[in-house]
Amino acid sequence: MIYYSAYCGSLWLASLFSVIQMLKEPENGIPEAEKSSWLEVFEKMLHKGKNSFEEKLWTGEYYRFDKSTGSHANTIMSDQLCGHWFLSQCGVDDSFVFPESKVRMSLKTIYKNNVLGFCNGEMGAVNGVNVDGSIDTHSIQSEETWTGVTYALAATMISNGLIKEGFKTAEGIYRTVYEKIGMGFETPEALIHTKKYRGIGYMRPLSIWSMLNAWNRNKAQDGHHGVSS
């Protein structure tokens, strides 16, 4: 990643948003005068960062990989909304930072290209896809499917009302790990469609629990999002 990137950028914006929320807590031990000063600093930083994020990375369908001049700059990254995933798991409304319409458009683009366009939609979400639909082979990471990222992506879809898409995304990696390669109890971090894997017993796949959290939050909202068609 070079210069501005969707992955690092979304995490940075989520971090700024979180700091602001902590500063707004009434009993956080920070003197009021100091609190107001820091709030001004971080709110200004968040506004500037949000505008830059949208201006430099939004393509109209998704947030590009980064703002470099390389061939992979426009890659569709499956984890481009990582910061939004984090905030959605906290149960906060982050639509000011990550507009709901753009989040859903990005998720639909990822689902179409990184999920359905990869291994017949039966292996989760590949990390990187070029705009022509081919797998990004710029690095070993870009052509891999990361188990934990796929589950987090599925949770993000569920949080945003893309219920069927979320479970379809998770089903691919689940069936691959448990039924096809029999590694459910030593879940690998990364899979390559050429029958290779690495990082067994990795912790990131525990993000599968974020799917349950997303599902429970949807139920608590009495079907606010509904099931997508």
Protein backbone atom coordinates (compact mmCIF):
# COMPACT_ATOMS: atom_id res chain seq x y z
CA MET A 1 0.00 0.00 0.00
CA ILE A 2 1.35 3.38 -1.02
CA TYR A 3 0.05 6.85 -0.17
CA TYR A 4 -3.69 6.79 0.61
CA SER A 5 -5.29 3.35 0.89
CA ALA A 6 -8.79 2.07 1.60
CA TYR A 7 -7.65 -0.42 4.25
CA CYS A 8 -5.44 1.90 6.30
CA GLY A 9 -7.66 4.89 5.59
CA SER A 10 -10.83 3.24 6.85
CA LEU A 11 -9.06 2.09 10.02
CA TRP A 12 -7.70 5.59 10.59
CA LEU A 13 -11.14 7.16 10.21
CA ALA A 14 -12.64 4.57 12.56
CA SER A 15 -9.92 5.31 15.10
CA LEU A 16 -10.57 9.06 14.96
CA PHE A 17 -14.31 8.48 15.31
CA SER A 18 -13.69 6.26 18.35
CA VAL A 19 -11.45 8.81 20.05
CA ILE A 20 -14.11 11.49 19.56
CA GLN A 21 -16.78 9.27 21.10
CA MET A 22 -14.53 8.56 24.09
CA LEU A 23 -13.87 12.27 24.55
CA LYS A 24 -17.62 12.91 24.58
CA GLU A 25 -18.16 10.49 27.46
CA PRO A 26 -19.24 12.59 30.50
CA GLU A 27 -17.04 10.81 33.05
CA ASN A 28 -13.78 10.16 31.22
CA GLY A 29 -11.57 11.98 33.70
CA ILE A 30 -10.48 14.72 31.30
CA PRO A 31 -10.95 18.37 32.40
CA GLU A 32 -13.64 20.14 30.36
CA ALA A 33 -11.30 22.79 28.96
CA GLU A 34 -8.82 20.18 27.83
CA LYS A 35 -11.60 17.99 26.48
CA SER A 36 -12.98 20.78 24.28
CA SER A 37 -9.52 21.47 22.90
CA TRP A 38 -8.90 17.83 21.99
CA LEU A 39 -12.39 17.45 20.53
CA GLU A 40 -11.73 20.34 18.19
CA VAL A 41 -8.44 18.79 17.08
CA PHE A 42 -9.84 15.33 16.39
CA GLU A 43 -13.11 16.48 14.83
CA LYS A 44 -11.19 18.68 12.42
CA MET A 45 -8.90 15.76 11.63
CA LEU A 46 -11.86 13.45 11.03
CA HIS A 47 -13.58 15.91 8.68
CA LYS A 48 -10.39 16.38 6.70
CA GLY A 49 -9.68 12.66 6.58
CA LYS A 50 -13.23 11.75 5.55
CA ASN A 51 -13.21 14.26 2.69
CA SER A 52 -9.81 13.06 1.53
CA PHE A 53 -10.90 9.41 1.74
CA GLU A 54 -13.93 10.07 -0.46
CA GLU A 55 -12.15 12.35 -2.90
CA LYS A 56 -9.10 10.18 -3.47
CA LEU A 57 -10.43 6.63 -3.19
CA TRP A 58 -14.14 6.48 -4.11
CA THR A 59 -14.64 5.25 -7.69
CA GLY A 60 -18.42 5.36 -7.81
CA GLU A 61 -18.68 1.62 -7.10
CA TYR A 62 -16.05 0.91 -4.43
CA TYR A 63 -13.01 2.35 -2.63
CA ARG A 64 -9.86 1.69 -4.67
CA PHE A 65 -6.94 -0.16 -3.11
CA ASP A 66 -4.69 2.88 -2.92
CA LYS A 67 -3.71 6.08 -4.69
CA SER A 68 -0.43 4.82 -6.15
CA THR A 69 0.40 4.77 -9.83
CA GLY A 70 0.86 1.00 -9.87
CA SER A 71 -1.25 -1.43 -11.86
CA HIS A 72 -2.89 -2.63 -8.65
CA ALA A 73 -4.03 0.82 -7.47
CA ASN A 74 -7.61 0.21 -8.63
CA THR A 75 -7.82 -3.28 -7.20
CA ILE A 76 -11.13 -4.19 -5.57
CA MET A 77 -10.05 -5.20 -2.08
CA SER A 78 -12.33 -7.46 -0.06
CA ASP A 79 -11.30 -5.76 3.20
CA GLN A 80 -11.67 -2.15 2.06
CA LEU A 81 -14.33 -1.47 4.73
CA CYS A 82 -12.40 -2.86 7.68
CA GLY A 83 -12.84 0.35 9.67
CA HIS A 84 -16.59 0.29 9.12
CA TRP A 85 -16.70 -3.37 10.22
CA PHE A 86 -15.01 -2.41 13.48
CA LEU A 87 -17.45 0.43 14.21
CA SER A 88 -20.50 -1.61 13.21
CA GLN A 89 -19.45 -4.27 15.72
CA CYS A 90 -19.43 -1.56 18.38
CA GLY A 91 -23.05 -0.80 17.54
CA VAL A 92 -22.52 2.85 16.66
CA ASP A 93 -23.96 4.86 13.79
CA ASP A 94 -20.94 5.68 11.62
CA SER A 95 -22.89 6.84 8.56
CA PHE A 96 -21.28 10.27 8.85
CA VAL A 97 -17.88 8.64 8.28
CA PHE A 98 -18.92 5.81 5.97
CA PRO A 99 -22.10 6.79 4.06
CA GLU A 100 -24.56 3.90 4.02
CA SER A 101 -25.22 4.16 0.28
CA LYS A 102 -21.50 3.90 -0.52
CA VAL A 103 -20.97 1.08 1.95
CA ARG A 104 -23.74 -0.97 0.35
CA MET A 105 -22.49 -0.19 -3.16
CA SER A 106 -18.98 -1.29 -2.16
CA LEU A 107 -20.28 -4.50 -0.61
CA LYS A 108 -22.29 -5.33 -3.73
CA THR A 109 -19.21 -4.70 -5.88
CA ILE A 110 -17.09 -6.94 -3.65
CA TYR A 111 -19.76 -9.64 -3.66
CA LYS A 112 -20.01 -9.60 -7.45
CA ASN A 113 -16.26 -9.63 -8.10
CA ASN A 114 -14.43 -11.08 -5.09
CA VAL A 115 -17.04 -13.66 -4.11
CA LEU A 116 -19.20 -14.73 -7.06
CA GLY A 117 -16.45 -14.02 -9.60
CA PHE A 118 -13.97 -16.22 -7.71
CA CYS A 119 -14.07 -20.03 -7.80
CA ASN A 120 -17.76 -20.00 -8.71
CA GLY A 121 -18.58 -18.26 -5.44
CA GLU A 122 -17.61 -21.35 -3.46
CA MET A 123 -14.43 -20.28 -1.65
CA GLY A 124 -15.22 -17.05 0.15
CA ALA A 125 -13.78 -13.71 -0.94
CA VAL A 126 -10.42 -13.44 -2.68
CA ASN A 127 -8.46 -10.48 -1.33
CA GLY A 128 -7.92 -8.64 -4.59
CA VAL A 129 -9.65 -8.49 -7.96
CA ASN A 130 -8.66 -6.29 -10.90
CA VAL A 131 -11.30 -4.14 -12.57
CA ASP A 132 -11.35 -6.58 -15.50
CA GLY A 133 -12.43 -9.39 -13.17
CA SER A 134 -9.07 -11.17 -13.01
CA ILE A 135 -7.35 -12.01 -9.72
CA ASP A 136 -4.78 -9.47 -8.60
CA THR A 137 -1.46 -11.34 -8.51
CA HIS A 138 0.62 -8.30 -7.57
CA SER A 139 1.53 -10.00 -4.28
CA ILE A 140 0.91 -13.33 -2.57
CA GLN A 141 -1.58 -11.64 -0.23
CA SER A 142 -3.69 -10.19 -3.02
CA GLU A 143 -4.37 -13.57 -4.63
CA GLU A 144 -5.22 -15.30 -1.37
CA THR A 145 -8.52 -15.76 0.44
CA TRP A 146 -8.19 -14.90 4.11
CA THR A 147 -10.58 -16.90 6.24
CA GLY A 148 -11.03 -14.25 8.92
CA VAL A 149 -11.45 -11.42 6.43
CA THR A 150 -14.15 -13.39 4.64
CA TYR A 151 -16.11 -13.90 7.87
CA ALA A 152 -15.71 -10.20 8.76
CA LEU A 153 -16.90 -9.24 5.27
CA ALA A 154 -19.91 -11.54 5.69
CA ALA A 155 -20.70 -9.85 9.01
CA THR A 156 -20.46 -6.43 7.37
CA MET A 157 -22.90 -7.54 4.68
CA ILE A 158 -25.34 -8.79 7.30
CA SER A 159 -25.02 -5.52 9.24
CA ASN A 160 -25.98 -3.64 6.10
CA GLY A 161 -28.99 -5.76 5.19
CA LEU A 162 -27.28 -7.95 2.59
CA ILE A 163 -28.28 -11.08 4.47
CA LYS A 164 -28.25 -13.64 1.66
CA GLU A 165 -25.00 -12.28 0.30
CA GLY A 166 -23.38 -12.42 3.74
CA PHE A 167 -24.27 -16.05 4.36
CA LYS A 168 -23.33 -17.06 0.81
CA THR A 169 -19.93 -15.42 1.31
CA ALA A 170 -19.34 -17.20 4.62
CA GLU A 171 -20.64 -20.52 3.31
CA GLY A 172 -17.91 -20.70 0.69
CA ILE A 173 -15.02 -20.43 3.12
CA TYR A 174 -16.75 -22.57 5.75
CA ARG A 175 -17.40 -25.46 3.38
CA THR A 176 -13.90 -25.18 1.95
CA VAL A 177 -12.19 -25.33 5.35
CA TYR A 178 -14.44 -27.85 7.08
CA GLU A 179 -15.71 -30.09 4.28
CA LYS A 180 -13.20 -29.91 1.42
CA ILE A 181 -9.82 -29.71 3.17
CA GLY A 182 -10.80 -30.92 6.66
CA MET A 183 -8.97 -28.20 8.59
CA GLY A 184 -11.77 -26.89 10.77
CA PHE A 185 -9.76 -27.44 13.95
CA GLU A 186 -6.56 -25.92 12.58
CA THR A 187 -8.13 -23.22 10.45
CA PRO A 188 -5.60 -21.61 8.11
CA GLU A 189 -5.25 -17.88 7.78
CA ALA A 190 -4.86 -17.95 4.02
CA LEU A 191 -5.94 -20.15 1.13
CA ILE A 192 -4.84 -19.99 -2.48
CA HIS A 193 -7.15 -21.38 -5.14
CA THR A 194 -4.28 -23.55 -6.42
CA LYS A 195 -4.73 -25.84 -3.39
CA LYS A 196 -2.19 -24.19 -1.11
CA TYR A 197 -2.61 -22.70 2.33
CA ARG A 198 -0.61 -21.12 5.14
CA GLY A 199 -0.87 -19.93 8.74
CA ILE A 200 -2.78 -22.83 10.35
CA GLY A 201 -4.42 -22.31 13.73
CA TYR A 202 -4.69 -18.59 13.04
CA MET A 203 -6.71 -16.28 15.28
CA ARG A 204 -8.36 -14.01 12.71
CA PRO A 205 -11.03 -16.60 11.74
CA LEU A 206 -12.56 -15.95 15.17
CA SER A 207 -14.16 -13.02 13.36
CA ILE A 208 -16.89 -15.54 12.56
CA TRP A 209 -18.42 -14.43 15.88
CA SER A 210 -18.92 -10.98 14.39
CA MET A 211 -21.50 -12.58 12.12
CA LEU A 212 -23.53 -13.60 15.16
CA ASN A 213 -23.16 -10.11 16.59
CA ALA A 214 -24.36 -8.58 13.32
CA TRP A 215 -27.28 -11.01 13.13
CA ASN A 216 -28.36 -10.27 16.71
CA ARG A 217 -28.16 -6.51 16.11
CA ASN A 218 -30.35 -6.87 13.04
CA LYS A 219 -32.91 -8.84 15.02
CA ALA A 220 -32.86 -6.22 17.76
CA GLN A 221 -33.68 -3.57 15.16
CA ASP A 222 -36.85 -5.52 14.23
CA GLY A 223 -35.80 -6.09 10.65
CA HIS A 224 -34.87 -2.45 9.96
CA HIS A 225 -32.73 -3.52 6.99
CA GLY A 226 -34.78 -6.52 5.90
CA VAL A 227 -33.52 -9.30 3.68
CA SER A 228 -32.10 -8.21 0.34
CA SER A 229 -33.28 -9.78 -2.87
